[in-house]
Amino acid sequence: MSLSKEQKEQKLRELQSFIDLHKNDKGPLMPIMQKAQELFGYLSLETQSVIADALGISVSEVYGVATFYAQFSLEPKGEYVIGVCTGTACYVKGAAAVLEEVEKELGVTKGKTTKDGVFTIQDTRCLGCCGLAPVMMINDDVYGRLVPSDIPGILAKYKA
């Protein structure tokens, strides 16, 4: 879902207020980037430029931090972010087949968002639920002991 011009301008004002409040703090970049991602859902090049200009640093420095930390996204994410664990325990128990089924059901590959902006698929490393392997999270909902045939029913709940 894209923002209207007014919504975008409001979020930029909110970000600028946050920057003004915190730019003189020690190590302000991470909290400012986190706030920007909270507001926009991702860190566009435009948003990175706003942050860089406000802090007097280069866009490449902001980009370097954004690409180093997995918590930041450079592309918009869907309303529902699906993380399929591909850590060792999950992988051994069939996570690759579960991930393939999610991709098949949604028609997009890992790292991508559906055209309607509803779902984003990610392969993740350990979610800390090794005893439930293979595991998938959709936003804050955890699904364990999955087999590929579970996926259509689970996704149907979120498509409704």
N, C-alpha and C. Protein backbone atom coordinates (compact mmCIF):
# COMPACT_ATOMS: atom_id res chain seq x y z
N MET A 1 0.84 -1.17 0.00
CA MET A 1 0.00 0.00 0.00
C MET A 1 0.89 1.24 0.00
N SER A 2 0.75 2.09 -1.02
CA SER A 2 1.57 3.29 -1.07
C SER A 2 0.87 4.43 -0.33
N LEU A 3 1.68 5.35 0.12
CA LEU A 3 1.17 6.48 0.89
C LEU A 3 0.72 7.60 -0.04
N SER A 4 -0.28 8.33 0.38
CA SER A 4 -0.67 9.53 -0.36
C SER A 4 0.42 10.59 -0.13
N LYS A 5 0.40 11.61 -0.94
CA LYS A 5 1.37 12.70 -0.79
C LYS A 5 1.29 13.31 0.61
N GLU A 6 0.07 13.50 1.09
CA GLU A 6 -0.12 14.09 2.42
C GLU A 6 0.41 13.17 3.53
N GLN A 7 0.13 11.87 3.40
CA GLN A 7 0.62 10.92 4.40
C GLN A 7 2.15 10.89 4.42
N LYS A 8 2.74 10.88 3.24
CA LYS A 8 4.19 10.87 3.14
C LYS A 8 4.80 12.12 3.77
N GLU A 9 4.22 13.27 3.46
CA GLU A 9 4.71 14.52 4.03
C GLU A 9 4.58 14.54 5.55
N GLN A 10 3.47 14.00 6.07
CA GLN A 10 3.27 13.92 7.52
C GLN A 10 4.33 13.04 8.16
N LYS A 11 4.61 11.90 7.55
CA LYS A 11 5.62 10.99 8.08
C LYS A 11 7.01 11.61 8.01
N LEU A 12 7.29 12.36 6.94
CA LEU A 12 8.59 13.05 6.84
C LEU A 12 8.72 14.11 7.93
N ARG A 13 7.63 14.82 8.21
CA ARG A 13 7.66 15.81 9.31
C ARG A 13 7.90 15.13 10.65
N GLU A 14 7.25 14.00 10.85
CA GLU A 14 7.42 13.24 12.09
C GLU A 14 8.86 12.75 12.22
N LEU A 15 9.43 12.27 11.11
CA LEU A 15 10.82 11.83 11.13
C LEU A 15 11.74 13.01 11.43
N GLN A 16 11.51 14.14 10.78
CA GLN A 16 12.35 15.31 11.01
C GLN A 16 12.29 15.76 12.47
N SER A 17 11.11 15.72 13.08
CA SER A 17 10.98 16.07 14.50
C SER A 17 11.79 15.12 15.37
N PHE A 18 11.73 13.83 15.03
CA PHE A 18 12.49 12.83 15.78
C PHE A 18 13.99 13.07 15.62
N ILE A 19 14.40 13.37 14.41
CA ILE A 19 15.82 13.66 14.15
C ILE A 19 16.25 14.88 14.95
N ASP A 20 15.46 15.94 14.91
CA ASP A 20 15.80 17.17 15.64
C ASP A 20 15.95 16.90 17.13
N LEU A 21 15.11 16.02 17.65
CA LEU A 21 15.13 15.69 19.07
C LEU A 21 16.36 14.86 19.45
N HIS A 22 16.86 14.04 18.51
CA HIS A 22 17.91 13.07 18.85
C HIS A 22 19.24 13.27 18.14
N LYS A 23 19.36 14.21 17.21
CA LYS A 23 20.58 14.30 16.42
C LYS A 23 21.81 14.64 17.25
N ASN A 24 21.65 15.24 18.40
CA ASN A 24 22.81 15.55 19.25
C ASN A 24 23.09 14.49 20.30
N ASP A 25 22.27 13.42 20.31
CA ASP A 25 22.54 12.29 21.21
C ASP A 25 23.80 11.58 20.73
N LYS A 26 24.40 10.83 21.61
CA LYS A 26 25.55 10.01 21.22
C LYS A 26 25.02 8.83 20.38
N GLY A 27 25.60 8.62 19.21
CA GLY A 27 25.20 7.51 18.34
C GLY A 27 23.76 7.59 17.88
N PRO A 28 23.36 8.69 17.23
CA PRO A 28 21.95 8.86 16.88
C PRO A 28 21.49 8.07 15.65
N LEU A 29 22.41 7.58 14.83
CA LEU A 29 22.02 7.01 13.55
C LEU A 29 21.06 5.82 13.67
N MET A 30 21.40 4.85 14.49
CA MET A 30 20.56 3.65 14.60
C MET A 30 19.14 3.97 15.08
N PRO A 31 18.97 4.72 16.16
CA PRO A 31 17.60 5.02 16.59
C PRO A 31 16.83 5.81 15.53
N ILE A 32 17.49 6.70 14.82
CA ILE A 32 16.82 7.48 13.78
C ILE A 32 16.42 6.56 12.63
N MET A 33 17.28 5.66 12.24
CA MET A 33 16.95 4.71 11.18
C MET A 33 15.80 3.79 11.60
N GLN A 34 15.82 3.37 12.86
CA GLN A 34 14.73 2.53 13.37
C GLN A 34 13.40 3.28 13.33
N LYS A 35 13.42 4.55 13.71
CA LYS A 35 12.20 5.37 13.67
C LYS A 35 11.72 5.53 12.24
N ALA A 36 12.64 5.77 11.31
CA ALA A 36 12.27 5.92 9.90
C ALA A 36 11.63 4.64 9.37
N GLN A 37 12.21 3.50 9.73
CA GLN A 37 11.64 2.24 9.27
C GLN A 37 10.26 2.01 9.90
N GLU A 38 10.13 2.38 11.16
CA GLU A 38 8.82 2.26 11.83
C GLU A 38 7.77 3.11 11.11
N LEU A 39 8.15 4.30 10.69
CA LEU A 39 7.22 5.21 10.02
C LEU A 39 6.87 4.77 8.61
N PHE A 40 7.88 4.36 7.84
CA PHE A 40 7.68 4.08 6.42
C PHE A 40 7.62 2.59 6.08
N GLY A 41 8.06 1.75 7.01
CA GLY A 41 8.08 0.31 6.75
C GLY A 41 9.35 -0.17 6.08
N TYR A 42 10.15 0.75 5.59
CA TYR A 42 11.43 0.43 4.95
C TYR A 42 12.22 1.72 4.81
N LEU A 43 13.47 1.60 4.37
CA LEU A 43 14.34 2.77 4.21
C LEU A 43 14.61 3.01 2.73
N SER A 44 13.79 3.84 2.13
CA SER A 44 14.00 4.19 0.72
C SER A 44 15.24 5.05 0.60
N LEU A 45 15.74 5.21 -0.62
CA LEU A 45 16.89 6.07 -0.86
C LEU A 45 16.57 7.51 -0.44
N GLU A 46 15.32 7.93 -0.69
CA GLU A 46 14.90 9.27 -0.28
C GLU A 46 14.99 9.43 1.24
N THR A 47 14.51 8.44 1.97
CA THR A 47 14.54 8.51 3.43
C THR A 47 15.99 8.47 3.93
N GLN A 48 16.82 7.65 3.33
CA GLN A 48 18.23 7.60 3.70
C GLN A 48 18.89 8.96 3.48
N SER A 49 18.53 9.63 2.39
CA SER A 49 19.09 10.95 2.08
C SER A 49 18.66 11.99 3.11
N VAL A 50 17.39 11.92 3.54
CA VAL A 50 16.89 12.85 4.56
C VAL A 50 17.70 12.67 5.84
N ILE A 51 17.92 11.41 6.23
CA ILE A 51 18.68 11.12 7.45
C ILE A 51 20.12 11.61 7.31
N ALA A 52 20.75 11.30 6.19
CA ALA A 52 22.14 11.71 5.96
C ALA A 52 22.28 13.22 6.01
N ASP A 53 21.41 13.93 5.31
CA ASP A 53 21.47 15.39 5.29
C ASP A 53 21.30 15.97 6.69
N ALA A 54 20.34 15.44 7.44
CA ALA A 54 20.06 15.96 8.78
C ALA A 54 21.21 15.72 9.75
N LEU A 55 21.94 14.62 9.55
CA LEU A 55 23.05 14.29 10.45
C LEU A 55 24.40 14.76 9.93
N GLY A 56 24.43 15.29 8.71
CA GLY A 56 25.69 15.76 8.13
C GLY A 56 26.64 14.62 7.79
N ILE A 57 26.08 13.48 7.38
CA ILE A 57 26.90 12.34 6.98
C ILE A 57 26.53 11.95 5.55
N SER A 58 27.28 11.03 4.98
CA SER A 58 27.00 10.62 3.60
C SER A 58 25.87 9.60 3.56
N VAL A 59 25.20 9.58 2.42
CA VAL A 59 24.15 8.57 2.21
C VAL A 59 24.77 7.19 2.24
N SER A 60 26.01 7.06 1.76
CA SER A 60 26.67 5.75 1.76
C SER A 60 26.87 5.23 3.18
N GLU A 61 27.06 6.12 4.14
CA GLU A 61 27.19 5.68 5.53
C GLU A 61 25.86 5.13 6.05
N VAL A 62 24.77 5.82 5.73
CA VAL A 62 23.44 5.35 6.13
C VAL A 62 23.15 4.02 5.44
N TYR A 63 23.44 3.96 4.14
CA TYR A 63 23.22 2.73 3.37
C TYR A 63 24.04 1.57 3.93
N GLY A 64 25.27 1.84 4.31
CA GLY A 64 26.13 0.80 4.88
C GLY A 64 25.53 0.20 6.14
N VAL A 65 24.99 1.04 6.99
CA VAL A 65 24.35 0.55 8.21
C VAL A 65 23.07 -0.21 7.86
N ALA A 66 22.30 0.32 6.92
CA ALA A 66 21.03 -0.30 6.53
C ALA A 66 21.25 -1.69 5.93
N THR A 67 22.34 -1.86 5.20
CA THR A 67 22.58 -3.17 4.57
C THR A 67 23.34 -4.12 5.49
N PHE A 68 23.96 -3.61 6.53
CA PHE A 68 24.68 -4.47 7.47
C PHE A 68 23.73 -5.17 8.43
N TYR A 69 22.74 -4.45 8.91
CA TYR A 69 21.82 -4.99 9.90
C TYR A 69 20.57 -5.55 9.25
N ALA A 70 20.24 -6.79 9.59
CA ALA A 70 19.09 -7.48 9.00
C ALA A 70 17.75 -6.83 9.38
N GLN A 71 17.72 -6.05 10.43
CA GLN A 71 16.46 -5.44 10.87
C GLN A 71 15.96 -4.37 9.88
N PHE A 72 16.86 -3.90 9.02
CA PHE A 72 16.47 -2.85 8.08
C PHE A 72 16.14 -3.43 6.72
N SER A 73 15.16 -2.82 6.08
CA SER A 73 14.74 -3.24 4.74
C SER A 73 14.86 -2.06 3.80
N LEU A 74 15.34 -2.31 2.59
CA LEU A 74 15.45 -1.26 1.58
C LEU A 74 14.27 -1.26 0.63
N GLU A 75 13.40 -2.23 0.79
CA GLU A 75 12.21 -2.34 -0.04
C GLU A 75 10.98 -2.46 0.85
N PRO A 76 9.84 -1.99 0.35
CA PRO A 76 8.62 -2.11 1.15
C PRO A 76 8.30 -3.58 1.44
N LYS A 77 7.80 -3.83 2.64
CA LYS A 77 7.38 -5.18 3.01
C LYS A 77 5.87 -5.25 3.00
N GLY A 78 5.38 -6.47 2.87
CA GLY A 78 3.95 -6.70 2.86
C GLY A 78 3.34 -6.53 4.24
N GLU A 79 2.03 -6.53 4.26
CA GLU A 79 1.29 -6.46 5.52
C GLU A 79 1.65 -7.65 6.41
N TYR A 80 1.86 -8.81 5.78
CA TYR A 80 2.25 -10.01 6.49
C TYR A 80 3.64 -10.43 6.02
N VAL A 81 4.58 -10.47 6.96
CA VAL A 81 5.94 -10.91 6.65
C VAL A 81 6.07 -12.35 7.11
N ILE A 82 6.35 -13.21 6.15
CA ILE A 82 6.48 -14.64 6.40
C ILE A 82 7.95 -14.98 6.48
N GLY A 83 8.38 -15.48 7.63
CA GLY A 83 9.76 -15.91 7.81
C GLY A 83 9.80 -17.41 7.98
N VAL A 84 10.41 -18.09 7.02
CA VAL A 84 10.58 -19.53 7.11
C VAL A 84 12.00 -19.79 7.59
N CYS A 85 12.13 -20.44 8.73
CA CYS A 85 13.44 -20.71 9.29
C CYS A 85 14.17 -21.74 8.42
N THR A 86 15.39 -21.38 8.03
CA THR A 86 16.21 -22.31 7.27
C THR A 86 17.51 -22.60 8.02
N GLY A 87 17.45 -22.42 9.34
CA GLY A 87 18.59 -22.80 10.18
C GLY A 87 18.75 -24.32 10.16
N THR A 88 19.80 -24.80 10.76
CA THR A 88 20.16 -26.21 10.66
C THR A 88 19.04 -27.16 11.06
N ALA A 89 18.46 -26.99 12.25
CA ALA A 89 17.42 -27.92 12.72
C ALA A 89 16.23 -27.91 11.77
N CYS A 90 15.79 -26.73 11.36
CA CYS A 90 14.64 -26.63 10.46
C CYS A 90 14.98 -27.17 9.07
N TYR A 91 16.17 -26.86 8.61
CA TYR A 91 16.56 -27.33 7.27
C TYR A 91 16.57 -28.86 7.21
N VAL A 92 17.15 -29.48 8.24
CA VAL A 92 17.23 -30.94 8.29
C VAL A 92 15.82 -31.55 8.32
N LYS A 93 14.87 -30.86 8.94
CA LYS A 93 13.50 -31.38 9.07
C LYS A 93 12.59 -31.00 7.89
N GLY A 94 13.15 -30.38 6.84
CA GLY A 94 12.36 -30.13 5.64
C GLY A 94 11.94 -28.70 5.38
N ALA A 95 12.66 -27.73 5.93
CA ALA A 95 12.30 -26.33 5.74
C ALA A 95 12.34 -25.91 4.28
N ALA A 96 13.24 -26.47 3.50
CA ALA A 96 13.34 -26.08 2.08
C ALA A 96 12.04 -26.39 1.35
N ALA A 97 11.43 -27.53 1.63
CA ALA A 97 10.17 -27.89 0.99
C ALA A 97 9.03 -26.98 1.46
N VAL A 98 9.07 -26.60 2.73
CA VAL A 98 8.05 -25.68 3.27
C VAL A 98 8.19 -24.32 2.58
N LEU A 99 9.42 -23.82 2.48
CA LEU A 99 9.67 -22.55 1.82
C LEU A 99 9.21 -22.60 0.35
N GLU A 100 9.52 -23.67 -0.33
CA GLU A 100 9.09 -23.82 -1.73
C GLU A 100 7.57 -23.78 -1.85
N GLU A 101 6.88 -24.39 -0.91
CA GLU A 101 5.41 -24.39 -0.94
C GLU A 101 4.86 -22.99 -0.71
N VAL A 102 5.47 -22.24 0.21
CA VAL A 102 5.04 -20.85 0.44
C VAL A 102 5.23 -20.04 -0.84
N GLU A 103 6.39 -20.20 -1.47
CA GLU A 103 6.66 -19.48 -2.72
C GLU A 103 5.65 -19.86 -3.80
N LYS A 104 5.36 -21.14 -3.91
CA LYS A 104 4.41 -21.62 -4.91
C LYS A 104 3.01 -21.05 -4.65
N GLU A 105 2.57 -21.09 -3.41
CA GLU A 105 1.23 -20.61 -3.05
C GLU A 105 1.06 -19.11 -3.31
N LEU A 106 2.13 -18.34 -3.09
CA LEU A 106 2.03 -16.89 -3.23
C LEU A 106 2.53 -16.36 -4.57
N GLY A 107 3.21 -17.21 -5.31
CA GLY A 107 3.68 -16.81 -6.64
C GLY A 107 4.85 -15.84 -6.64
N VAL A 108 5.59 -15.79 -5.54
CA VAL A 108 6.80 -14.97 -5.47
C VAL A 108 7.90 -15.76 -4.75
N THR A 109 9.13 -15.35 -4.94
CA THR A 109 10.26 -16.03 -4.32
C THR A 109 10.68 -15.31 -3.04
N LYS A 110 11.51 -16.00 -2.26
CA LYS A 110 12.00 -15.40 -1.01
C LYS A 110 12.68 -14.07 -1.30
N GLY A 111 12.49 -13.16 -0.36
CA GLY A 111 13.05 -11.83 -0.51
C GLY A 111 12.14 -10.88 -1.28
N LYS A 112 11.00 -11.37 -1.74
CA LYS A 112 10.09 -10.56 -2.56
C LYS A 112 8.74 -10.38 -1.88
N THR A 113 8.00 -9.41 -2.38
CA THR A 113 6.67 -9.09 -1.87
C THR A 113 5.66 -9.31 -3.00
N THR A 114 4.51 -9.85 -2.64
CA THR A 114 3.47 -10.07 -3.64
C THR A 114 3.05 -8.73 -4.26
N LYS A 115 2.57 -8.78 -5.49
CA LYS A 115 2.20 -7.56 -6.21
C LYS A 115 1.15 -6.75 -5.48
N ASP A 116 0.27 -7.42 -4.73
CA ASP A 116 -0.77 -6.70 -3.99
C ASP A 116 -0.26 -6.11 -2.68
N GLY A 117 1.02 -6.37 -2.36
CA GLY A 117 1.61 -5.80 -1.15
C GLY A 117 1.17 -6.46 0.14
N VAL A 118 0.56 -7.63 0.06
CA VAL A 118 0.04 -8.28 1.26
C VAL A 118 1.09 -9.16 1.93
N PHE A 119 1.88 -9.91 1.16
CA PHE A 119 2.83 -10.86 1.74
C PHE A 119 4.26 -10.59 1.29
N THR A 120 5.19 -10.73 2.22
CA THR A 120 6.62 -10.74 1.92
C THR A 120 7.16 -12.05 2.46
N ILE A 121 7.98 -12.72 1.64
CA ILE A 121 8.58 -13.99 2.06
C ILE A 121 10.05 -13.78 2.36
N GLN A 122 10.49 -14.30 3.50
CA GLN A 122 11.90 -14.26 3.87
C GLN A 122 12.34 -15.62 4.36
N ASP A 123 13.58 -15.98 4.02
CA ASP A 123 14.14 -17.14 4.72
C ASP A 123 14.95 -16.54 5.86
N THR A 124 14.80 -17.10 7.02
CA THR A 124 15.46 -16.56 8.20
C THR A 124 16.35 -17.62 8.82
N ARG A 125 17.21 -17.20 9.66
CA ARG A 125 18.01 -18.14 10.43
C ARG A 125 17.28 -18.40 11.73
N CYS A 126 17.82 -19.15 12.57
CA CYS A 126 17.16 -19.69 13.77
C CYS A 126 16.17 -18.72 14.43
N LEU A 127 14.97 -19.21 14.60
CA LEU A 127 13.92 -18.45 15.29
C LEU A 127 13.82 -18.85 16.76
N GLY A 128 14.69 -19.77 17.18
CA GLY A 128 14.70 -20.19 18.58
C GLY A 128 13.63 -21.21 18.93
N CYS A 129 13.10 -21.86 17.93
CA CYS A 129 12.05 -22.86 18.14
C CYS A 129 12.47 -24.21 17.58
N CYS A 130 13.72 -24.58 17.77
CA CYS A 130 14.29 -25.77 17.14
C CYS A 130 13.50 -27.04 17.44
N GLY A 131 12.91 -27.12 18.61
CA GLY A 131 12.11 -28.30 18.97
C GLY A 131 10.84 -28.42 18.17
N LEU A 132 10.45 -27.35 17.48
CA LEU A 132 9.24 -27.35 16.65
C LEU A 132 9.56 -27.41 15.15
N ALA A 133 10.80 -27.68 14.82
CA ALA A 133 11.26 -27.63 13.43
C ALA A 133 10.45 -28.55 12.52
N PRO A 134 10.24 -28.08 11.28
CA PRO A 134 10.54 -26.75 10.73
C PRO A 134 9.48 -25.71 11.15
N VAL A 135 9.95 -24.47 11.27
CA VAL A 135 9.14 -23.40 11.84
C VAL A 135 8.99 -22.25 10.83
N MET A 136 7.82 -21.61 10.91
CA MET A 136 7.54 -20.43 10.09
C MET A 136 6.84 -19.42 10.99
N MET A 137 7.16 -18.15 10.79
CA MET A 137 6.46 -17.07 11.48
C MET A 137 5.76 -16.20 10.45
N ILE A 138 4.55 -15.80 10.77
CA ILE A 138 3.84 -14.79 9.99
C ILE A 138 3.57 -13.66 10.96
N ASN A 139 4.28 -12.56 10.77
CA ASN A 139 4.33 -11.47 11.75
C ASN A 139 4.70 -12.08 13.11
N ASP A 140 3.81 -12.06 14.09
CA ASP A 140 4.16 -12.60 15.41
C ASP A 140 3.60 -14.00 15.66
N ASP A 141 2.94 -14.58 14.67
CA ASP A 141 2.36 -15.92 14.83
C ASP A 141 3.38 -16.99 14.43
N VAL A 142 3.56 -17.99 15.29
CA VAL A 142 4.54 -19.05 15.06
C VAL A 142 3.81 -20.34 14.68
N TYR A 143 4.31 -20.99 13.65
CA TYR A 143 3.78 -22.28 13.20
C TYR A 143 4.94 -23.27 13.17
N GLY A 144 4.74 -24.42 13.83
CA GLY A 144 5.81 -25.41 13.92
C GLY A 144 5.40 -26.78 13.45
N ARG A 145 6.43 -27.64 13.36
CA ARG A 145 6.27 -29.02 12.88
C ARG A 145 5.52 -29.04 11.54
N LEU A 146 5.95 -28.17 10.66
CA LEU A 146 5.27 -27.98 9.38
C LEU A 146 5.65 -29.03 8.34
N VAL A 147 4.70 -29.29 7.50
CA VAL A 147 4.92 -30.05 6.27
C VAL A 147 4.32 -29.18 5.15
N PRO A 148 4.79 -29.36 3.93
CA PRO A 148 4.30 -28.51 2.85
C PRO A 148 2.77 -28.47 2.73
N SER A 149 2.09 -29.55 3.01
CA SER A 149 0.63 -29.56 2.87
C SER A 149 -0.07 -28.68 3.91
N ASP A 150 0.64 -28.23 4.95
CA ASP A 150 0.06 -27.31 5.94
C ASP A 150 -0.07 -25.88 5.40
N ILE A 151 0.76 -25.55 4.44
CA ILE A 151 0.90 -24.15 4.01
C ILE A 151 -0.38 -23.55 3.41
N PRO A 152 -1.07 -24.21 2.49
CA PRO A 152 -2.28 -23.57 1.93
C PRO A 152 -3.30 -23.18 3.00
N GLY A 153 -3.53 -24.04 3.98
CA GLY A 153 -4.49 -23.73 5.04
C GLY A 153 -4.06 -22.58 5.92
N ILE A 154 -2.77 -22.54 6.22
CA ILE A 154 -2.26 -21.44 7.06
C ILE A 154 -2.39 -20.12 6.31
N LEU A 155 -1.97 -20.09 5.06
CA LEU A 155 -2.02 -18.85 4.29
C LEU A 155 -3.45 -18.39 4.06
N ALA A 156 -4.38 -19.31 3.96
CA ALA A 156 -5.79 -18.97 3.74
C ALA A 156 -6.32 -18.05 4.85
N LYS A 157 -5.84 -18.24 6.08
CA LYS A 157 -6.27 -17.40 7.20
C LYS A 157 -5.91 -15.94 6.96
N TYR A 158 -4.77 -15.72 6.32
CA TYR A 158 -4.27 -14.35 6.12
C TYR A 158 -4.78 -13.75 4.80
N LYS A 159 -5.19 -14.60 3.90
CA LYS A 159 -5.73 -14.11 2.62
C LYS A 159 -7.16 -13.62 2.78
N ALA A 160 -7.85 -14.12 3.82
CA ALA A 160 -9.26 -13.79 4.02
C ALA A 160 -9.48 -12.33 4.36
